[in-house]
């Protein structure tokens, strides 16, 4: 019986593989799109657009301001850390705690230039994208975006330092 069922299965399998000659099956020959020239498939490269000199100057000025804010912040961090360290474990509203809070507030004000530069770069980026979309100008968006990324890294680092100081002061 097993041999008989094996022969029947083989017959069914071979019947399924045999072509009926009706021509409904797709050809395995190359389609026209597959034989097309590879060079024709790639569109010509887009001409690079030089950055607008006025935008370059503005971005450079804003990044100098962001770096100045970072330098002022970094210069004030040490004193603030000392005040927070001295106030750790102090009661809320004690003299040491108030001095540490004032030092943290002063540290926040030292980063004004960095935050201002980031906000200005964000505004400049959105205006530039809108002008590009309207067809009024071309280019410089990538330059602004790179500067925004750098300024954001500065502000994020400052936020991390401030959060750490606040956490140290809040824990008894």
N, C-alpha and C. Protein backbone atom coordinates (compact mmCIF):
# COMPACT_ATOMS: atom_id res chain seq x y z
N UNK A 1 0.81 -1.18 0.00
CA UNK A 1 0.00 0.00 0.00
C UNK A 1 0.86 1.26 0.00
N UNK A 2 1.91 1.23 0.72
CA UNK A 2 2.76 2.41 0.80
C UNK A 2 3.38 2.73 -0.54
N UNK A 3 3.75 1.72 -1.27
CA UNK A 3 4.34 1.93 -2.59
C UNK A 3 3.30 2.52 -3.53
N UNK A 4 2.08 2.03 -3.43
CA UNK A 4 1.01 2.51 -4.29
C UNK A 4 0.74 3.99 -4.01
N UNK A 5 0.66 4.42 -2.74
CA UNK A 5 0.40 5.82 -2.44
C UNK A 5 1.57 6.71 -2.85
N UNK A 6 2.79 6.20 -2.74
CA UNK A 6 3.96 6.96 -3.18
C UNK A 6 3.92 7.17 -4.67
N UNK A 7 3.51 6.15 -5.43
CA UNK A 7 3.42 6.28 -6.89
C UNK A 7 2.32 7.28 -7.26
N UNK A 8 1.21 7.26 -6.54
CA UNK A 8 0.12 8.18 -6.84
C UNK A 8 0.57 9.64 -6.54
N UNK A 9 1.28 9.82 -5.44
CA UNK A 9 1.78 11.17 -5.10
C UNK A 9 2.76 11.66 -6.16
N UNK A 10 3.64 10.78 -6.62
CA UNK A 10 4.60 11.13 -7.65
C UNK A 10 3.88 11.51 -8.94
N UNK A 11 2.84 10.77 -9.28
CA UNK A 11 2.07 11.06 -10.50
C UNK A 11 1.39 12.43 -10.38
N UNK A 12 0.82 12.72 -9.23
CA UNK A 12 0.18 14.03 -9.03
C UNK A 12 1.21 15.17 -9.11
N UNK A 13 2.35 14.94 -8.51
CA UNK A 13 3.41 15.95 -8.52
C UNK A 13 3.86 16.22 -9.95
N UNK A 14 4.10 15.17 -10.71
CA UNK A 14 4.54 15.34 -12.09
C UNK A 14 3.46 15.96 -12.96
N UNK A 15 2.22 15.69 -12.67
CA UNK A 15 1.12 16.28 -13.44
C UNK A 15 1.06 17.78 -13.18
N UNK A 16 1.36 18.18 -11.98
CA UNK A 16 1.34 19.59 -11.65
C UNK A 16 2.48 20.35 -12.31
N UNK A 17 3.60 19.68 -12.54
CA UNK A 17 4.75 20.32 -13.16
C UNK A 17 4.64 20.36 -14.67
N UNK A 18 3.87 19.51 -15.23
CA UNK A 18 3.76 19.45 -16.69
C UNK A 18 3.00 20.67 -17.18
N UNK A 19 3.50 21.30 -18.23
CA UNK A 19 2.84 22.47 -18.79
C UNK A 19 1.63 22.06 -19.60
N UNK A 20 0.59 22.83 -19.49
CA UNK A 20 -0.62 22.55 -20.23
C UNK A 20 -0.56 23.15 -21.62
N UNK A 21 0.43 23.98 -21.88
CA UNK A 21 0.58 24.57 -23.20
C UNK A 21 -0.41 25.69 -23.46
N UNK A 22 -1.06 26.20 -22.44
CA UNK A 22 -2.06 27.24 -22.69
C UNK A 22 -1.45 28.64 -22.73
N UNK A 23 -0.17 28.81 -22.34
CA UNK A 23 0.53 30.08 -22.48
C UNK A 23 0.10 31.14 -21.47
N UNK A 24 -0.57 30.80 -20.39
CA UNK A 24 -0.99 31.77 -19.40
C UNK A 24 0.10 32.12 -18.40
N UNK A 25 1.24 31.47 -18.45
CA UNK A 25 2.30 31.69 -17.49
C UNK A 25 3.19 32.85 -17.95
N UNK A 26 3.71 33.62 -17.02
CA UNK A 26 4.57 34.74 -17.43
C UNK A 26 5.90 34.25 -17.97
N UNK A 27 6.45 35.03 -18.85
CA UNK A 27 7.74 34.71 -19.44
C UNK A 27 8.84 35.01 -18.42
N UNK A 28 9.91 34.23 -18.49
CA UNK A 28 11.06 34.48 -17.63
C UNK A 28 12.10 35.36 -18.32
N UNK A 29 11.78 35.85 -19.49
CA UNK A 29 12.69 36.73 -20.22
C UNK A 29 12.77 38.08 -19.50
N UNK A 30 13.86 38.82 -19.74
CA UNK A 30 14.03 40.13 -19.12
C UNK A 30 12.93 41.07 -19.60
N UNK A 31 12.42 41.85 -18.66
CA UNK A 31 11.44 42.88 -19.01
C UNK A 31 12.19 44.10 -19.50
N UNK A 32 11.54 44.97 -20.23
CA UNK A 32 12.23 46.16 -20.76
C UNK A 32 12.88 47.01 -19.65
N UNK A 33 12.23 47.13 -18.51
CA UNK A 33 12.79 47.96 -17.44
C UNK A 33 14.05 47.34 -16.86
N UNK A 34 14.17 46.00 -16.93
CA UNK A 34 15.34 45.33 -16.39
C UNK A 34 16.55 45.45 -17.30
N UNK A 35 16.32 45.70 -18.56
CA UNK A 35 17.43 45.81 -19.49
C UNK A 35 17.78 47.27 -19.78
N UNK A 36 17.13 48.19 -19.10
CA UNK A 36 17.38 49.60 -19.28
C UNK A 36 18.78 49.95 -18.81
N UNK A 37 19.35 50.98 -19.38
CA UNK A 37 20.68 51.43 -19.01
C UNK A 37 20.65 51.97 -17.57
N UNK A 38 21.59 51.55 -16.75
CA UNK A 38 21.63 51.96 -15.34
C UNK A 38 21.84 53.46 -15.20
N UNK A 39 22.55 54.08 -16.12
CA UNK A 39 22.79 55.51 -16.06
C UNK A 39 21.51 56.30 -16.27
N UNK A 40 20.65 55.81 -17.13
CA UNK A 40 19.40 56.51 -17.40
C UNK A 40 18.47 56.44 -16.19
N UNK A 41 18.62 55.41 -15.36
CA UNK A 41 17.76 55.26 -14.18
C UNK A 41 18.11 56.27 -13.10
N UNK A 42 19.34 56.74 -13.05
CA UNK A 42 19.75 57.70 -12.02
C UNK A 42 19.55 59.12 -12.55
N UNK A 43 18.79 59.94 -11.83
CA UNK A 43 18.59 61.31 -12.28
C UNK A 43 19.89 62.10 -12.12
N UNK A 44 20.05 63.16 -12.86
CA UNK A 44 21.27 63.96 -12.73
C UNK A 44 21.37 64.55 -11.33
N UNK A 45 22.59 64.73 -10.89
CA UNK A 45 22.83 65.26 -9.55
C UNK A 45 22.32 66.69 -9.46
N UNK A 46 21.77 67.03 -8.29
CA UNK A 46 21.28 68.38 -8.06
C UNK A 46 22.47 69.29 -7.81
N UNK A 47 22.45 70.41 -8.44
CA UNK A 47 23.56 71.36 -8.30
C UNK A 47 23.62 71.86 -6.86
N UNK A 48 24.80 71.82 -6.28
CA UNK A 48 24.98 72.30 -4.91
C UNK A 48 24.80 73.81 -4.88
N UNK A 49 24.12 74.26 -3.85
CA UNK A 49 23.86 75.69 -3.70
C UNK A 49 24.77 76.21 -2.59
N UNK A 50 25.49 77.25 -2.89
CA UNK A 50 26.38 77.85 -1.90
C UNK A 50 25.54 78.51 -0.80
N UNK A 51 26.08 78.47 0.41
CA UNK A 51 25.39 79.10 1.54
C UNK A 51 25.38 80.61 1.36
N UNK A 52 24.30 81.21 1.75
CA UNK A 52 24.14 82.66 1.69
C UNK A 52 25.12 83.31 2.67
N UNK A 53 26.00 84.19 2.21
CA UNK A 53 26.99 84.81 3.09
C UNK A 53 26.37 85.52 4.30
N UNK A 54 25.23 86.15 4.12
CA UNK A 54 24.58 86.83 5.24
C UNK A 54 24.13 85.82 6.29
N UNK A 55 23.64 84.67 5.84
CA UNK A 55 23.21 83.63 6.77
C UNK A 55 24.43 83.04 7.49
N UNK A 56 25.51 82.84 6.75
CA UNK A 56 26.75 82.31 7.36
C UNK A 56 27.23 83.25 8.46
N UNK A 57 27.21 84.54 8.19
CA UNK A 57 27.64 85.53 9.19
C UNK A 57 26.74 85.51 10.41
N UNK A 58 25.42 85.44 10.17
CA UNK A 58 24.48 85.41 11.29
C UNK A 58 24.64 84.14 12.13
N UNK A 59 24.79 83.00 11.46
CA UNK A 59 24.96 81.73 12.18
C UNK A 59 26.26 81.75 12.97
N UNK A 60 27.34 82.26 12.37
CA UNK A 60 28.62 82.34 13.09
C UNK A 60 28.49 83.21 14.34
N UNK A 61 27.81 84.34 14.22
CA UNK A 61 27.61 85.22 15.37
C UNK A 61 26.80 84.54 16.48
N UNK A 62 25.76 83.82 16.07
CA UNK A 62 24.94 83.12 17.08
C UNK A 62 25.72 82.00 17.74
N UNK A 63 26.55 81.31 17.00
CA UNK A 63 27.34 80.23 17.61
C UNK A 63 28.41 80.81 18.54
N UNK A 64 28.97 81.97 18.20
CA UNK A 64 29.91 82.62 19.12
C UNK A 64 29.19 82.99 20.42
N UNK A 65 27.97 83.44 20.28
CA UNK A 65 27.19 83.79 21.48
C UNK A 65 26.88 82.54 22.31
N UNK A 66 26.55 81.43 21.64
CA UNK A 66 26.27 80.18 22.36
C UNK A 66 27.52 79.70 23.10
N UNK A 67 28.67 79.81 22.44
CA UNK A 67 29.92 79.38 23.09
C UNK A 67 30.29 80.32 24.25
N UNK A 68 29.99 81.60 24.10
CA UNK A 68 30.25 82.55 25.19
C UNK A 68 29.37 82.20 26.39
N UNK A 69 28.13 81.85 26.13
CA UNK A 69 27.23 81.43 27.21
C UNK A 69 27.73 80.16 27.88
N UNK A 70 28.26 79.25 27.08
CA UNK A 70 28.81 78.01 27.63
C UNK A 70 30.02 78.30 28.50
N UNK A 71 30.88 79.22 28.06
CA UNK A 71 32.07 79.56 28.84
C UNK A 71 31.69 80.23 30.16
N UNK A 72 30.72 81.13 30.13
CA UNK A 72 30.27 81.79 31.36
C UNK A 72 29.65 80.77 32.32
N UNK A 73 28.87 79.87 31.76
CA UNK A 73 28.24 78.82 32.56
C UNK A 73 29.31 77.94 33.21
N UNK A 74 30.28 77.50 32.39
CA UNK A 74 31.34 76.62 32.90
C UNK A 74 32.16 77.31 33.99
N UNK A 75 32.37 78.61 33.85
CA UNK A 75 33.14 79.35 34.86
C UNK A 75 32.40 79.43 36.19
N UNK A 76 31.07 79.44 36.14
CA UNK A 76 30.28 79.58 37.37
C UNK A 76 29.89 78.24 38.00
N UNK A 77 30.09 77.14 37.29
CA UNK A 77 29.65 75.83 37.80
C UNK A 77 30.38 75.45 39.08
N UNK A 78 31.67 75.66 39.16
CA UNK A 78 32.45 75.25 40.32
C UNK A 78 31.94 75.85 41.62
N UNK A 79 31.72 77.17 41.63
CA UNK A 79 31.22 77.83 42.82
C UNK A 79 29.83 77.35 43.21
N UNK A 80 29.01 77.10 42.20
CA UNK A 80 27.66 76.62 42.48
C UNK A 80 27.70 75.21 43.07
N UNK A 81 28.56 74.38 42.54
CA UNK A 81 28.68 73.02 43.09
C UNK A 81 29.13 73.05 44.55
N UNK A 82 30.04 73.98 44.88
CA UNK A 82 30.49 74.12 46.28
C UNK A 82 29.34 74.52 47.19
N UNK A 83 28.55 75.50 46.74
CA UNK A 83 27.42 75.97 47.55
C UNK A 83 26.39 74.86 47.74
N UNK A 84 26.10 74.13 46.66
CA UNK A 84 25.13 73.04 46.75
C UNK A 84 25.68 71.94 47.66
N UNK A 85 26.97 71.64 47.53
CA UNK A 85 27.58 70.63 48.40
C UNK A 85 27.50 71.02 49.86
N UNK A 86 27.71 72.30 50.15
CA UNK A 86 27.65 72.78 51.53
C UNK A 86 26.22 72.75 52.07
N UNK A 87 25.26 72.91 51.16
CA UNK A 87 23.86 72.95 51.59
C UNK A 87 23.21 71.56 51.60
N UNK A 88 23.89 70.57 51.07
CA UNK A 88 23.30 69.22 51.04
C UNK A 88 22.96 68.78 52.45
N UNK A 89 21.74 68.36 52.65
CA UNK A 89 21.29 67.91 53.96
C UNK A 89 20.78 69.04 54.84
N UNK A 90 20.90 70.27 54.38
CA UNK A 90 20.41 71.41 55.16
C UNK A 90 18.89 71.48 55.05
N UNK A 91 18.31 72.11 56.03
CA UNK A 91 16.85 72.30 56.01
C UNK A 91 16.49 73.32 54.93
N UNK A 92 15.31 73.10 54.35
CA UNK A 92 14.80 74.05 53.37
C UNK A 92 14.65 75.39 54.06
N UNK A 93 15.04 76.44 53.41
CA UNK A 93 15.00 77.82 53.89
C UNK A 93 16.11 78.15 54.88
N UNK A 94 17.03 77.22 55.08
CA UNK A 94 18.18 77.56 55.91
C UNK A 94 19.10 78.49 55.10
N UNK A 95 20.04 79.11 55.80
CA UNK A 95 20.93 80.05 55.12
C UNK A 95 21.74 79.36 54.02
N UNK A 96 22.25 78.16 54.27
CA UNK A 96 23.03 77.42 53.27
C UNK A 96 22.17 77.04 52.08
N UNK A 97 20.94 76.63 52.36
CA UNK A 97 20.03 76.22 51.28
C UNK A 97 19.69 77.41 50.40
N UNK A 98 19.41 78.56 51.01
CA UNK A 98 19.09 79.78 50.25
C UNK A 98 20.30 80.21 49.42
N UNK A 99 21.48 80.12 49.98
CA UNK A 99 22.69 80.49 49.23
C UNK A 99 22.88 79.56 48.03
N UNK A 100 22.60 78.29 48.21
CA UNK A 100 22.70 77.34 47.09
C UNK A 100 21.66 77.64 46.02
N UNK A 101 20.46 77.98 46.44
CA UNK A 101 19.40 78.33 45.47
C UNK A 101 19.80 79.57 44.67
N UNK A 102 20.36 80.55 45.35
CA UNK A 102 20.82 81.77 44.66
C UNK A 102 21.94 81.44 43.68
N UNK A 103 22.84 80.56 44.07
CA UNK A 103 23.93 80.16 43.18
C UNK A 103 23.39 79.45 41.94
N UNK A 104 22.37 78.61 42.13
CA UNK A 104 21.75 77.92 40.99
C UNK A 104 21.07 78.93 40.08
N UNK A 105 20.38 79.91 40.66
CA UNK A 105 19.73 80.96 39.85
C UNK A 105 20.77 81.75 39.06
N UNK A 106 21.88 82.07 39.70
CA UNK A 106 22.96 82.80 39.03
C UNK A 106 23.51 81.95 37.88
N UNK A 107 23.66 80.66 38.11
CA UNK A 107 24.17 79.76 37.08
C UNK A 107 23.21 79.71 35.88
N UNK A 108 21.92 79.70 36.17
CA UNK A 108 20.93 79.72 35.09
C UNK A 108 21.05 80.99 34.26
N UNK A 109 21.30 82.11 34.91
CA UNK A 109 21.42 83.37 34.17
C UNK A 109 22.69 83.41 33.32
N UNK A 110 23.72 82.67 33.73
CA UNK A 110 24.97 82.62 32.97
C UNK A 110 24.79 81.93 31.62
N UNK A 111 23.77 81.15 31.49
CA UNK A 111 23.57 80.42 30.23
C UNK A 111 22.62 81.14 29.28
N UNK A 112 22.26 82.36 29.61
CA UNK A 112 21.33 83.13 28.79
C UNK A 112 21.76 83.18 27.33
N UNK A 113 23.03 83.47 27.09
CA UNK A 113 23.50 83.59 25.70
C UNK A 113 23.35 82.29 24.94
N UNK A 114 23.57 81.18 25.59
CA UNK A 114 23.42 79.88 24.91
C UNK A 114 21.97 79.61 24.55
N UNK A 115 21.07 79.88 25.47
CA UNK A 115 19.64 79.66 25.22
C UNK A 115 19.13 80.63 24.17
N UNK A 116 19.57 81.89 24.25
CA UNK A 116 19.18 82.88 23.25
C UNK A 116 19.64 82.45 21.85
N UNK A 117 20.87 82.00 21.75
CA UNK A 117 21.41 81.58 20.45
C UNK A 117 20.62 80.41 19.89
N UNK A 118 20.28 79.44 20.74
CA UNK A 118 19.50 78.29 20.27
C UNK A 118 18.12 78.73 19.78
N UNK A 119 17.46 79.58 20.53
CA UNK A 119 16.14 80.07 20.12
C UNK A 119 16.23 80.85 18.80
N UNK A 120 17.26 81.66 18.66
CA UNK A 120 17.44 82.44 17.43
C UNK A 120 17.73 81.53 16.25
N UNK A 121 18.52 80.50 16.47
CA UNK A 121 18.81 79.55 15.39
C UNK A 121 17.56 78.78 14.99
N UNK A 122 16.73 78.42 15.97
CA UNK A 122 15.46 77.76 15.65
C UNK A 122 14.59 78.65 14.78
N UNK A 123 14.48 79.92 15.16
CA UNK A 123 13.67 80.87 14.40
C UNK A 123 14.23 81.07 13.00
N UNK A 124 15.53 81.21 12.90
CA UNK A 124 16.19 81.38 11.60
C UNK A 124 15.97 80.15 10.71
N UNK A 125 16.06 78.98 11.31
CA UNK A 125 15.88 77.72 10.56
C UNK A 125 14.46 77.63 9.98
N UNK A 126 13.48 77.91 10.81
CA UNK A 126 12.08 77.84 10.34
C UNK A 126 11.84 78.88 9.25
N UNK A 127 12.35 80.11 9.44
CA UNK A 127 12.17 81.14 8.41
C UNK A 127 12.83 80.73 7.10
N UNK A 128 14.01 80.12 7.21
CA UNK A 128 14.73 79.72 6.00
C UNK A 128 13.98 78.60 5.28
N UNK A 129 13.48 77.63 6.04
CA UNK A 129 12.71 76.54 5.41
C UNK A 129 11.45 77.09 4.73
N UNK A 130 10.78 78.04 5.36
CA UNK A 130 9.59 78.65 4.75
C UNK A 130 9.95 79.40 3.47
N UNK A 131 11.07 80.13 3.49
CA UNK A 131 11.50 80.87 2.30
C UNK A 131 11.91 79.91 1.18
N UNK A 132 12.52 78.80 1.54
CA UNK A 132 12.90 77.80 0.53
C UNK A 132 11.65 77.18 -0.08
N UNK A 133 10.68 76.85 0.77
CA UNK A 133 9.43 76.25 0.28
C UNK A 133 8.68 77.22 -0.63
N UNK A 134 8.77 78.50 -0.35
CA UNK A 134 8.09 79.50 -1.18
C UNK A 134 8.88 79.83 -2.44
N UNK A 135 10.08 79.28 -2.56
CA UNK A 135 10.90 79.53 -3.74
C UNK A 135 11.62 80.87 -3.71
N UNK A 136 11.65 81.51 -2.56
CA UNK A 136 12.28 82.82 -2.46
C UNK A 136 13.80 82.74 -2.38
N UNK A 137 14.31 81.69 -1.75
CA UNK A 137 15.76 81.51 -1.58
C UNK A 137 16.09 80.04 -1.78
N UNK A 138 17.39 79.76 -1.84
CA UNK A 138 17.87 78.38 -1.92
C UNK A 138 19.01 78.21 -0.94
N UNK A 139 19.13 77.02 -0.37
CA UNK A 139 20.27 76.66 0.44
C UNK A 139 20.31 77.26 1.84
N UNK A 140 21.39 76.94 2.53
CA UNK A 140 21.75 77.40 3.87
C UNK A 140 20.98 76.72 4.99
N UNK A 141 19.95 75.94 4.70
CA UNK A 141 19.19 75.28 5.77
C UNK A 141 20.06 74.25 6.49
N UNK A 142 20.90 73.55 5.76
CA UNK A 142 21.76 72.54 6.38
C UNK A 142 22.77 73.20 7.33
N UNK A 143 23.30 74.32 6.93
CA UNK A 143 24.23 75.07 7.76
C UNK A 143 23.57 75.46 9.08
N UNK A 144 22.37 75.99 8.99
CA UNK A 144 21.64 76.42 10.18
C UNK A 144 21.32 75.21 11.06
N UNK A 145 20.92 74.11 10.44
CA UNK A 145 20.56 72.91 11.20
C UNK A 145 21.77 72.35 11.95
N UNK A 146 22.93 72.36 11.32
CA UNK A 146 24.15 71.89 12.02
C UNK A 146 24.45 72.78 13.23
N UNK A 147 24.30 74.08 13.05
CA UNK A 147 24.54 75.01 14.17
C UNK A 147 23.51 74.80 15.28
N UNK A 148 22.26 74.56 14.89
CA UNK A 148 21.22 74.28 15.89
C UNK A 148 21.57 73.04 16.70
N UNK A 149 22.08 72.02 16.03
CA UNK A 149 22.46 70.79 16.71
C UNK A 149 23.57 71.06 17.72
N UNK A 150 24.55 71.86 17.33
CA UNK A 150 25.65 72.20 18.25
C UNK A 150 25.15 73.02 19.43
N UNK A 151 24.31 74.02 19.17
CA UNK A 151 23.78 74.85 20.26
C UNK A 151 22.89 74.03 21.19
N UNK A 152 22.13 73.12 20.62
CA UNK A 152 21.27 72.26 21.44
C UNK A 152 22.10 71.37 22.35
N UNK A 153 23.22 70.89 21.86
CA UNK A 153 24.11 70.07 22.69
C UNK A 153 24.64 70.88 23.88
N UNK A 154 24.97 72.14 23.64
CA UNK A 154 25.44 73.02 24.71
C UNK A 154 24.35 73.20 25.77
N UNK A 155 23.14 73.54 25.31
CA UNK A 155 22.03 73.79 26.23
C UNK A 155 21.63 72.50 26.96
N UNK A 156 21.64 71.37 26.28
CA UNK A 156 21.31 70.10 26.93
C UNK A 156 22.32 69.77 28.04
N UNK A 157 23.59 70.01 27.78
CA UNK A 157 24.61 69.75 28.81
C UNK A 157 24.38 70.66 30.01
N UNK A 158 24.04 71.92 29.75
CA UNK A 158 23.76 72.85 30.84
C UNK A 158 22.53 72.40 31.63
N UNK A 159 21.51 71.96 30.93
CA UNK A 159 20.31 71.46 31.62
C UNK A 159 20.65 70.27 32.51
N UNK A 160 21.49 69.37 32.02
CA UNK A 160 21.88 68.20 32.81
C UNK A 160 22.60 68.62 34.09
N UNK A 161 23.50 69.59 33.97
CA UNK A 161 24.24 70.07 35.15
C UNK A 161 23.26 70.69 36.15
N UNK A 162 22.37 71.55 35.67
CA UNK A 162 21.41 72.20 36.56
C UNK A 162 20.48 71.17 37.22
N UNK A 163 20.02 70.21 36.46
CA UNK A 163 19.15 69.17 37.04
C UNK A 163 19.88 68.39 38.13
N UNK A 164 21.14 68.08 37.89
CA UNK A 164 21.92 67.36 38.89
C UNK A 164 22.10 68.17 40.16
N UNK A 165 22.35 69.47 40.01
CA UNK A 165 22.51 70.34 41.18
C UNK A 165 21.19 70.45 41.97
N UNK A 166 20.10 70.60 41.26
CA UNK A 166 18.80 70.70 41.93
C UNK A 166 18.48 69.39 42.67
N UNK A 167 18.80 68.27 42.03
CA UNK A 167 18.56 66.97 42.68
C UNK A 167 19.39 66.83 43.95
N UNK A 168 20.64 67.25 43.90
CA UNK A 168 21.49 67.17 45.09
C UNK A 168 20.96 68.05 46.22
N UNK A 169 20.42 69.18 45.87
CA UNK A 169 19.91 70.11 46.88
C UNK A 169 18.58 69.62 47.45
N UNK A 170 17.80 68.94 46.65
CA UNK A 170 16.48 68.49 47.09
C UNK A 170 16.55 67.27 48.00
N UNK A 171 17.58 66.46 47.87
CA UNK A 171 17.63 65.24 48.69
C UNK A 171 18.20 65.57 50.06
N UNK A 172 17.49 65.18 51.12
CA UNK A 172 17.96 65.46 52.46
C UNK A 172 19.11 64.57 52.89
